[in-house]
Amino acid sequence: MIKAVKFGGSSLADASQFKKVYEIIKSDPDRKYVVPSAPGKRDSEDIKVTDLLYKCYGEAKVGADFTDTLAVIKKRYDDIISELGLDLSLDSEFETIKNKLKTVTDADYAASRGEYLNGIVLAAYLGYEFLDAASVIKFDKHGAFLDEETNAKLSKTLKDMETAVIPGFYGSMPDGSIKTFSRGGSDITGSILARAIHADVYENWTDVSGFKAADPRIVDGAKTIDIITYKELRELSYMGASVLHESAIFPVRKEGIPINIRNTNDPEADGTLIVESTLHVPEHTLTGIAGKKGFAAVSIDKDMMNSEIGFGRKVLEVFEKNGLSFEHMPSGIDTMTVFVSMEDFISKEHQVIAQLHQAVSPDTIELEANLSLIAVVGRGMKNGIGIASRVFSALAEAGISIKMLYQGSSELSIIIGIDDKYFEDAIRAIYKKFFTD
């Protein structure tokens, strides 16, 4: 077998965590290629190295003295190196970073150095080769990720490397400048690596023992999901579940490579396996529940709108012109409702309403604020009976009214809209109905 393994920031926060990672990697000879994140928080009061690097950049950008902040970062790495007993110095690397921060014009270079430096340290500790992600992870001149070019380059490079550490989160543009993925992007690098080496599995090591059926901060003791499909994960990630970066599934999905979410602090736990499809029969009808707060509903009423060709397109064009993306768009015979981020919409509400009147001449437009969307997701729903009624029942018993209900044609999920103030209670009520009753 060949395994691509990625370790998150909490897994590499200090020397004691590095030692756990070492034992995990060395316990399995199939773990030959490793992607590290930057050091995360050592405790709740600590600051992530990436955040400190962003602070450095911010100070440098306004001409302030950033050397004290950079010294704090250097001490983090020096402490790790010292406690691991490594014969390694990062002095020259930090000198380069200091000099570049005086002239760099964007934040990506600064932010990427956390993974870059951690990769050097981890490679030295493991006795693996270090491969700078900038040499193999490629973006075009507009900052778009070049998946096929990267896959070919990385595959060719790793053929001559028996073992390697490749820093996560960043790559390079055609001019050699650094470009990062969005925060949490080391998950994507791990997925890219897994595809390039044709891995049998992509292990993503973090600080939880798999994917939970509901946010454990809301539902105490939420069940760990044993097996989940890419589609189910995509639905839950889109609606706020955040164990894995939502874009990390795409590279491995092309190759059918499963992702295994594992816990660095509990390596014996099986975690969650994410797969293309499965015959595994889930224990419960639902796989998971996730949601987001802070939406506004724009309801447009007009008699006979269903017979007016191009009505929906004209409505959406108004939102597009104002730089607003929509989350959901349930509709009836004479009614169409567009759900958008309230934070984005509120500063543009008057111009949007005016433009909607100009575009489609509605009878009325009504706005509703402070709404939440909750996704109830599960492959078991397709053959289940009365799923929606059980959701209704759970919310009714909790005294929560439903503002919107939508079920996709795939029968994989049901989306419900409720008032923000009931968000946590709604998730607890649905979880109780499907997982404990």
Protein backbone atom coordinates (compact mmCIF):
# COMPACT_ATOMS: atom_id res chain seq x y z
CA MET A 1 0.00 0.00 0.00
CA ILE A 2 0.93 3.64 -0.43
CA LYS A 3 -0.42 6.23 1.99
CA ALA A 4 -0.38 10.01 1.75
CA VAL A 5 -0.51 11.47 5.27
CA LYS A 6 -1.30 15.02 6.32
CA PHE A 7 -0.94 16.40 9.85
CA GLY A 8 -2.82 19.49 10.98
CA GLY A 9 -1.54 22.39 13.05
CA SER A 10 -2.66 20.99 16.39
CA SER A 11 -0.80 17.75 15.57
CA LEU A 12 2.46 19.72 15.15
CA ALA A 13 1.99 22.48 17.72
CA ASP A 14 5.05 21.58 19.82
CA ALA A 15 7.79 19.00 20.31
CA SER A 16 5.57 16.57 22.22
CA GLN A 17 3.14 16.53 19.30
CA PHE A 18 6.02 16.06 16.84
CA LYS A 19 6.99 12.93 18.79
CA LYS A 20 3.47 11.52 18.42
CA VAL A 21 3.59 12.23 14.68
CA TYR A 22 6.97 10.51 14.43
CA GLU A 23 5.62 7.37 16.10
CA ILE A 24 2.55 7.31 13.85
CA ILE A 25 4.61 7.64 10.66
CA LYS A 26 7.32 5.20 11.67
CA SER A 27 4.78 2.60 12.84
CA ASP A 28 3.65 2.06 9.25
CA PRO A 29 6.18 1.75 6.40
CA ASP A 30 3.43 2.64 3.91
CA ARG A 31 3.44 6.25 5.23
CA LYS A 32 6.16 7.52 2.93
CA TYR A 33 4.90 10.96 1.90
CA VAL A 34 3.88 13.57 4.47
CA VAL A 35 2.18 16.99 4.33
CA PRO A 36 2.53 19.20 7.44
CA SER A 37 0.58 22.29 8.44
CA ALA A 38 2.13 25.17 10.38
CA PRO A 39 2.25 24.83 14.19
CA GLY A 40 -1.18 25.46 15.68
CA LYS A 41 -2.26 26.43 19.17
CA ARG A 42 -0.58 24.70 22.11
CA ASP A 43 -3.47 25.75 24.37
CA SER A 44 -6.59 27.91 24.20
CA GLU A 45 -4.62 31.09 24.95
CA ASP A 46 -1.95 30.46 22.31
CA ILE A 47 -1.71 31.97 18.82
CA LYS A 48 -1.27 29.94 15.63
CA VAL A 49 2.00 30.53 13.78
CA THR A 50 0.07 31.41 10.60
CA ASP A 51 -1.76 34.18 12.47
CA LEU A 52 1.57 35.50 13.78
CA LEU A 53 2.92 35.53 10.24
CA TYR A 54 -0.10 37.49 9.03
CA LYS A 55 0.61 39.91 11.89
CA CYS A 56 4.22 40.23 10.70
CA TYR A 57 3.04 41.03 7.21
CA GLY A 58 0.56 43.61 8.51
CA GLU A 59 3.27 45.34 10.51
CA ALA A 60 5.71 45.27 7.59
CA LYS A 61 3.08 46.63 5.19
CA VAL A 62 2.60 49.82 7.23
CA GLY A 63 6.34 50.23 7.86
CA ALA A 64 6.15 49.17 11.52
CA ASP A 65 8.83 47.14 13.29
CA PHE A 66 7.88 43.46 12.92
CA THR A 67 11.09 41.98 14.38
CA ASP A 68 9.57 41.25 17.80
CA THR A 69 6.71 39.27 16.25
CA LEU A 70 9.14 37.41 14.00
CA ALA A 71 11.28 36.61 17.06
CA VAL A 72 8.26 35.02 18.75
CA ILE A 73 7.77 32.79 15.71
CA LYS A 74 11.45 31.87 15.58
CA LYS A 75 11.39 30.88 19.25
CA ARG A 76 8.49 28.48 18.54
CA TYR A 77 10.60 26.63 15.99
CA ASP A 78 13.82 26.85 17.98
CA ASP A 79 12.06 25.32 21.01
CA ILE A 80 10.75 22.45 18.90
CA ILE A 81 14.18 21.83 17.35
CA SER A 82 15.90 21.95 20.74
CA GLU A 83 13.44 19.61 22.47
CA LEU A 84 13.70 17.12 19.60
CA GLY A 85 17.50 17.20 19.83
CA LEU A 86 17.94 18.05 16.15
CA ASP A 87 21.17 19.37 14.66
CA LEU A 88 19.32 22.02 12.67
CA SER A 89 19.35 25.81 12.45
CA LEU A 90 16.71 27.99 10.83
CA ASP A 91 18.72 31.21 11.28
CA SER A 92 19.36 31.71 7.57
CA GLU A 93 15.73 30.98 6.73
CA PHE A 94 14.50 33.60 9.18
CA GLU A 95 17.01 36.11 7.84
CA THR A 96 15.60 35.53 4.35
CA ILE A 97 12.05 35.93 5.65
CA LYS A 98 12.95 39.17 7.44
CA ASN A 99 14.50 40.64 4.30
CA LYS A 100 11.63 39.58 2.03
CA LEU A 101 9.00 40.95 4.39
CA LYS A 102 10.50 44.39 3.87
CA THR A 103 9.69 44.24 0.15
CA VAL A 104 6.92 41.64 -0.34
CA THR A 105 3.68 43.12 -1.69
CA ASP A 106 1.12 40.48 -0.66
CA ALA A 107 0.38 38.29 2.33
CA ASP A 108 0.72 34.89 0.67
CA TYR A 109 4.50 34.66 1.01
CA ALA A 110 4.38 35.51 4.71
CA ALA A 111 1.50 33.14 5.45
CA SER A 112 3.17 30.22 3.66
CA ARG A 113 6.34 30.30 5.74
CA GLY A 114 4.71 28.46 8.64
CA GLU A 115 4.24 25.30 6.58
CA TYR A 116 7.55 25.79 4.80
CA LEU A 117 9.56 25.93 8.05
CA ASN A 118 7.57 23.12 9.67
CA GLY A 119 8.28 20.98 6.62
CA ILE A 120 12.02 21.53 7.03
CA VAL A 121 11.87 20.58 10.72
CA LEU A 122 9.69 17.50 10.19
CA ALA A 123 11.82 16.26 7.28
CA ALA A 124 14.95 16.53 9.43
CA TYR A 125 13.25 14.72 12.32
CA LEU A 126 11.95 11.88 10.15
CA GLY A 127 15.07 11.59 7.99
CA TYR A 128 12.93 12.24 4.89
CA GLU A 129 13.73 14.46 1.91
CA PHE A 130 12.24 17.96 1.95
CA LEU A 131 10.36 19.04 -1.19
CA ASP A 132 9.37 22.71 -1.37
CA ALA A 133 5.73 22.88 -2.47
CA ALA A 134 6.54 25.96 -4.57
CA SER A 135 8.46 23.74 -6.98
CA VAL A 136 5.58 21.32 -7.65
CA ILE A 137 2.22 22.94 -6.74
CA LYS A 138 1.36 25.27 -9.62
CA PHE A 139 -1.06 28.18 -10.12
CA ASP A 140 -1.62 30.24 -13.28
CA LYS A 141 -0.96 33.98 -13.51
CA HIS A 142 -4.50 34.70 -12.29
CA GLY A 143 -4.07 32.55 -9.18
CA ALA A 144 -6.13 29.59 -10.40
CA PHE A 145 -4.82 26.18 -9.36
CA LEU A 146 -3.42 24.12 -12.26
CA ASP A 147 -4.50 20.62 -11.28
CA GLU A 148 -3.25 18.62 -14.27
CA GLU A 149 0.09 20.43 -14.54
CA THR A 150 0.63 20.00 -10.81
CA ASN A 151 -0.29 16.33 -10.91
CA ALA A 152 2.17 15.62 -13.71
CA LYS A 153 4.97 17.64 -12.07
CA LEU A 154 4.47 16.15 -8.61
CA SER A 155 4.17 12.58 -9.91
CA LYS A 156 7.39 12.90 -11.91
CA THR A 157 9.31 14.47 -9.01
CA LEU A 158 8.24 11.89 -6.42
CA LYS A 159 9.19 8.93 -8.64
CA ASP A 160 12.79 9.62 -7.66
CA MET A 161 12.05 10.17 -3.97
CA GLU A 162 11.44 7.17 -1.71
CA THR A 163 10.19 9.38 1.11
CA ALA A 164 9.37 13.09 1.25
CA VAL A 165 7.84 15.90 3.28
CA ILE A 166 5.89 18.44 1.20
CA PRO A 167 4.60 21.54 3.06
CA GLY A 168 0.89 22.17 2.77
CA PHE A 169 -1.12 25.30 1.96
CA TYR A 170 0.91 26.90 -0.85
CA GLY A 171 2.43 26.66 -4.30
CA SER A 172 3.79 29.12 -6.85
CA MET A 173 2.72 31.34 -9.75
CA PRO A 174 4.49 31.38 -13.16
CA ASP A 175 6.71 34.26 -12.01
CA GLY A 176 7.85 32.26 -8.98
CA SER A 177 5.82 34.24 -6.43
CA ILE A 178 4.07 32.30 -3.68
CA LYS A 179 0.33 31.61 -3.89
CA THR A 180 -1.67 30.03 -1.05
CA PHE A 181 -4.90 28.12 -0.95
CA SER A 182 -7.59 29.43 1.41
CA ARG A 183 -7.14 28.82 5.15
CA GLY A 184 -7.06 25.12 5.91
CA GLY A 185 -5.54 24.53 2.49
CA SER A 186 -3.03 21.95 3.72
CA ASP A 187 -5.93 19.49 3.43
CA ILE A 188 -5.98 20.26 -0.30
CA THR A 189 -2.22 19.72 -0.63
CA GLY A 190 -2.61 16.32 1.03
CA SER A 191 -5.33 15.41 -1.45
CA ILE A 192 -3.21 16.59 -4.39
CA LEU A 193 -0.32 14.48 -3.09
CA ALA A 194 -2.54 11.41 -2.71
CA ARG A 195 -3.65 11.69 -6.32
CA ALA A 196 -0.12 12.20 -7.62
CA ILE A 197 1.28 9.08 -5.93
CA HIS A 198 -1.84 6.99 -6.68
CA ALA A 199 -2.27 6.42 -2.95
CA ASP A 200 -4.44 3.62 -1.63
CA VAL A 201 -5.63 5.96 1.12
CA TYR A 202 -5.20 9.59 2.16
CA GLU A 203 -4.85 9.83 5.95
CA ASN A 204 -5.74 13.25 7.35
CA TRP A 205 -4.56 13.45 10.97
CA THR A 206 -6.12 16.08 13.21
CA ASP A 207 -7.26 16.50 16.83
CA VAL A 208 -10.61 14.68 16.60
CA SER A 209 -11.37 10.99 16.11
CA GLY A 210 -13.29 11.42 12.89
CA PHE A 211 -16.26 13.31 11.56
CA LYS A 212 -19.14 13.88 13.98
CA ALA A 213 -22.84 13.51 13.13
CA ALA A 214 -23.39 17.00 14.60
CA ASP A 215 -21.23 19.80 15.94
CA PRO A 216 -19.98 18.47 19.33
CA ARG A 217 -20.06 22.04 20.64
CA ILE A 218 -23.84 21.91 20.19
CA VAL A 219 -24.59 18.21 20.75
CA ASP A 220 -22.66 16.77 23.67
CA GLY A 221 -21.28 13.32 22.83
CA ALA A 222 -22.25 13.49 19.15
CA LYS A 223 -21.69 10.16 17.39
CA THR A 224 -18.63 9.62 15.19
CA ILE A 225 -19.50 8.73 11.59
CA ASP A 226 -17.77 5.49 10.57
CA ILE A 227 -18.20 5.79 6.79
CA ILE A 228 -19.41 8.78 4.77
CA THR A 229 -19.54 9.34 1.00
CA TYR A 230 -17.94 12.26 -0.81
CA LYS A 231 -21.40 13.60 -1.66
CA GLU A 232 -22.57 13.48 1.94
CA LEU A 233 -19.38 15.16 3.12
CA ARG A 234 -19.73 17.86 0.47
CA GLU A 235 -23.26 18.64 1.67
CA LEU A 236 -22.21 18.81 5.32
CA SER A 237 -19.01 20.77 4.66
CA TYR A 238 -20.87 23.32 2.56
CA MET A 239 -23.28 23.85 5.44
CA GLY A 240 -20.55 24.51 7.97
CA ALA A 241 -19.08 21.19 9.16
CA SER A 242 -15.35 21.94 9.24
CA VAL A 243 -13.20 18.89 10.01
CA LEU A 244 -11.90 18.86 6.41
CA HIS A 245 -11.48 21.68 3.87
CA GLU A 246 -14.44 21.31 1.50
CA SER A 247 -12.21 21.51 -1.61
CA ALA A 248 -9.95 18.68 -0.42
CA ILE A 249 -12.24 15.98 -1.77
CA PHE A 250 -11.94 16.92 -5.45
CA PRO A 251 -8.42 15.68 -6.32
CA VAL A 252 -8.90 12.28 -4.62
CA ARG A 253 -12.42 11.87 -5.91
CA LYS A 254 -11.04 11.79 -9.46
CA GLU A 255 -9.03 8.71 -8.52
CA GLY A 256 -11.49 7.09 -6.11
CA ILE A 257 -9.02 7.40 -3.22
CA PRO A 258 -10.64 7.18 0.24
CA ILE A 259 -9.85 9.77 2.93
CA ASN A 260 -9.37 8.58 6.50
CA ILE A 261 -9.86 11.24 9.20
CA ARG A 262 -7.69 10.18 12.19
CA ASN A 263 -6.78 11.56 15.62
CA THR A 264 -3.08 12.18 16.36
CA ASN A 265 -3.84 12.01 20.08
CA ASP A 266 -5.76 8.72 19.73
CA PRO A 267 -4.03 6.85 16.89
CA GLU A 268 -5.74 3.55 17.67
CA ALA A 269 -9.19 4.99 16.84
CA ASP A 270 -10.41 4.07 13.34
CA GLY A 271 -11.77 7.56 12.67
CA THR A 272 -14.01 8.27 9.68
CA LEU A 273 -13.55 6.82 6.20
CA ILE A 274 -14.69 9.05 3.32
CA VAL A 275 -15.42 7.10 0.13
CA GLU A 276 -16.91 7.49 -3.36
CA SER A 277 -19.70 5.01 -2.66
CA THR A 278 -20.36 2.15 -0.26
CA LEU A 279 -22.61 -0.84 0.39
CA HIS A 280 -22.11 -0.22 4.09
CA VAL A 281 -25.55 0.10 5.69
CA PRO A 282 -25.58 3.11 8.03
CA GLU A 283 -26.67 2.53 11.60
CA HIS A 284 -29.00 5.52 11.41
CA THR A 285 -31.11 6.96 8.59
CA LEU A 286 -29.16 10.21 8.78
CA THR A 287 -25.42 10.55 8.36
CA GLY A 288 -25.14 14.02 9.83
CA ILE A 289 -26.62 17.44 10.57
CA ALA A 290 -24.94 20.81 9.90
CA GLY A 291 -25.97 24.39 9.38
CA LYS A 292 -25.14 28.07 9.15
CA LYS A 293 -26.60 31.22 10.66
CA GLY A 294 -26.94 34.73 9.30
CA PHE A 295 -29.12 34.57 6.19
CA ALA A 296 -31.73 36.91 4.76
CA ALA A 297 -34.71 35.82 2.65
CA VAL A 298 -35.84 37.98 -0.27
CA SER A 299 -39.36 36.86 -1.25
CA ILE A 300 -40.69 38.05 -4.62
CA ASP A 301 -44.42 37.66 -5.33
CA LYS A 302 -46.01 38.13 -8.74
CA ASP A 303 -49.17 36.64 -10.18
CA MET A 304 -48.47 34.27 -13.09
CA MET A 305 -44.68 34.48 -12.70
CA ASN A 306 -44.47 30.80 -13.64
CA SER A 307 -45.62 31.62 -17.17
CA GLU A 308 -43.21 34.54 -17.60
CA ILE A 309 -40.20 33.27 -19.56
CA GLY A 310 -36.86 34.36 -18.11
CA PHE A 311 -38.30 35.52 -14.78
CA GLY A 312 -35.82 33.57 -12.62
CA ARG A 313 -32.87 34.58 -14.76
CA LYS A 314 -33.76 38.26 -14.48
CA VAL A 315 -34.03 37.99 -10.70
CA LEU A 316 -30.68 36.27 -10.35
CA GLU A 317 -29.02 38.77 -12.68
CA VAL A 318 -29.88 41.51 -10.19
CA PHE A 319 -28.10 39.64 -7.40
CA GLU A 320 -25.16 38.92 -9.72
CA LYS A 321 -24.77 42.59 -10.67
CA ASN A 322 -24.56 43.44 -6.98
CA GLY A 323 -21.91 40.80 -6.25
CA LEU A 324 -24.27 38.60 -4.23
CA SER A 325 -24.32 34.80 -4.43
CA PHE A 326 -27.43 32.91 -3.35
CA GLU A 327 -27.56 29.88 -1.07
CA HIS A 328 -30.99 28.50 -1.93
CA MET A 329 -33.93 29.52 -4.11
CA PRO A 330 -37.19 27.76 -3.23
CA SER A 331 -40.15 28.77 -5.38
CA GLY A 332 -43.90 28.33 -5.77
CA ILE A 333 -46.38 29.12 -8.55
CA ASP A 334 -46.41 32.85 -7.85
CA THR A 335 -43.56 33.15 -5.32
CA MET A 336 -39.78 32.98 -5.49
CA THR A 337 -37.49 33.33 -2.47
CA VAL A 338 -33.76 33.95 -2.63
CA PHE A 339 -31.62 33.19 0.44
CA VAL A 340 -28.47 35.30 0.70
CA SER A 341 -25.89 36.18 3.33
CA MET A 342 -27.42 38.91 5.46
CA GLU A 343 -24.02 40.48 6.10
CA ASP A 344 -23.42 40.86 2.35
CA PHE A 345 -26.97 41.87 1.49
CA ILE A 346 -27.84 44.48 4.11
CA SER A 347 -25.61 47.24 2.71
CA LYS A 348 -27.09 46.72 -0.77
CA GLU A 349 -30.73 46.00 0.08
CA HIS A 350 -32.23 49.23 -1.27
CA GLN A 351 -30.49 49.07 -4.64
CA VAL A 352 -31.32 45.36 -5.00
CA ILE A 353 -35.00 45.97 -4.29
CA ALA A 354 -35.09 48.88 -6.75
CA GLN A 355 -33.40 46.83 -9.46
CA LEU A 356 -35.76 43.87 -8.86
CA HIS A 357 -38.73 46.17 -9.41
CA GLN A 358 -37.16 47.43 -12.64
CA ALA A 359 -36.28 43.93 -13.83
CA VAL A 360 -39.46 41.92 -13.12
CA SER A 361 -42.15 44.34 -11.84
CA PRO A 362 -43.16 42.19 -8.84
CA ASP A 363 -46.43 42.68 -6.96
CA THR A 364 -44.59 42.69 -3.62
CA ILE A 365 -41.10 42.09 -2.21
CA GLU A 366 -40.73 41.01 1.42
CA LEU A 367 -37.51 40.70 3.43
CA GLU A 368 -36.84 38.49 6.43
CA ALA A 369 -33.63 38.66 8.46
CA ASN A 370 -31.68 36.50 10.92
CA LEU A 371 -32.41 33.10 9.42
CA SER A 372 -30.48 29.85 9.68
CA LEU A 373 -30.21 27.03 7.16
CA ILE A 374 -29.78 23.48 8.45
CA ALA A 375 -28.92 20.50 6.26
CA VAL A 376 -30.16 17.05 7.25
CA VAL A 377 -27.96 14.67 5.23
CA GLY A 378 -27.85 10.91 4.71
CA ARG A 379 -27.61 8.29 1.98
CA GLY A 380 -30.16 6.28 4.00
CA MET A 381 -32.79 8.93 3.26
CA LYS A 382 -33.28 7.73 -0.31
CA ASN A 383 -35.06 4.57 0.77
CA GLY A 384 -36.36 5.92 4.06
CA ILE A 385 -40.02 6.65 4.69
CA GLY A 386 -41.33 9.69 6.52
CA ILE A 387 -37.99 11.48 6.92
CA ALA A 388 -39.44 14.95 6.41
CA SER A 389 -42.30 14.21 8.79
CA ARG A 390 -39.81 13.14 11.49
CA VAL A 391 -37.90 16.41 10.97
CA PHE A 392 -41.20 18.32 11.28
CA SER A 393 -42.07 16.34 14.38
CA ALA A 394 -38.69 16.99 16.03
CA LEU A 395 -38.96 20.73 15.46
CA ALA A 396 -42.63 20.91 16.44
CA GLU A 397 -41.91 19.13 19.73
CA ALA A 398 -39.18 21.72 20.38
CA GLY A 399 -41.57 24.58 19.57
CA ILE A 400 -39.66 25.66 16.44
CA SER A 401 -41.47 26.83 13.29
CA ILE A 402 -40.05 26.17 9.82
CA LYS A 403 -39.59 29.10 7.45
CA MET A 404 -38.43 27.07 4.42
CA LEU A 405 -38.08 23.45 3.36
CA TYR A 406 -36.18 22.14 0.32
CA GLN A 407 -35.27 18.60 -0.73
CA GLY A 408 -32.92 18.00 -3.64
CA SER A 409 -33.69 15.51 -6.40
CA SER A 410 -30.85 13.28 -5.20
CA GLU A 411 -32.82 12.66 -1.97
CA LEU A 412 -29.53 12.97 -0.13
CA SER A 413 -30.46 16.01 1.95
CA ILE A 414 -33.25 18.18 3.26
CA ILE A 415 -32.59 21.89 3.86
CA ILE A 416 -34.72 23.70 6.41
CA GLY A 417 -34.84 27.40 7.23
CA ILE A 418 -35.55 28.63 10.77
CA ASP A 419 -34.98 31.70 12.94
CA ASP A 420 -31.37 32.14 14.07
CA LYS A 421 -32.41 32.08 17.72
CA TYR A 422 -33.52 28.44 17.39
CA PHE A 423 -30.38 27.22 15.57
CA GLU A 424 -28.76 25.19 18.37
CA ASP A 425 -32.09 23.90 19.72
CA ALA A 426 -33.11 22.75 16.24
CA ILE A 427 -29.90 20.76 15.70
CA ARG A 428 -30.27 19.13 19.14
CA ALA A 429 -33.92 18.28 18.47
CA ILE A 430 -33.22 16.69 15.07
CA TYR A 431 -30.22 14.79 16.44
CA LYS A 432 -32.29 13.43 19.32
CA LYS A 433 -35.10 12.31 17.01
CA PHE A 434 -32.82 10.43 14.59
CA PHE A 435 -29.88 9.30 16.70
CA THR A 436 -31.15 8.68 20.24
CA ASP A 437 -34.95 8.23 20.21
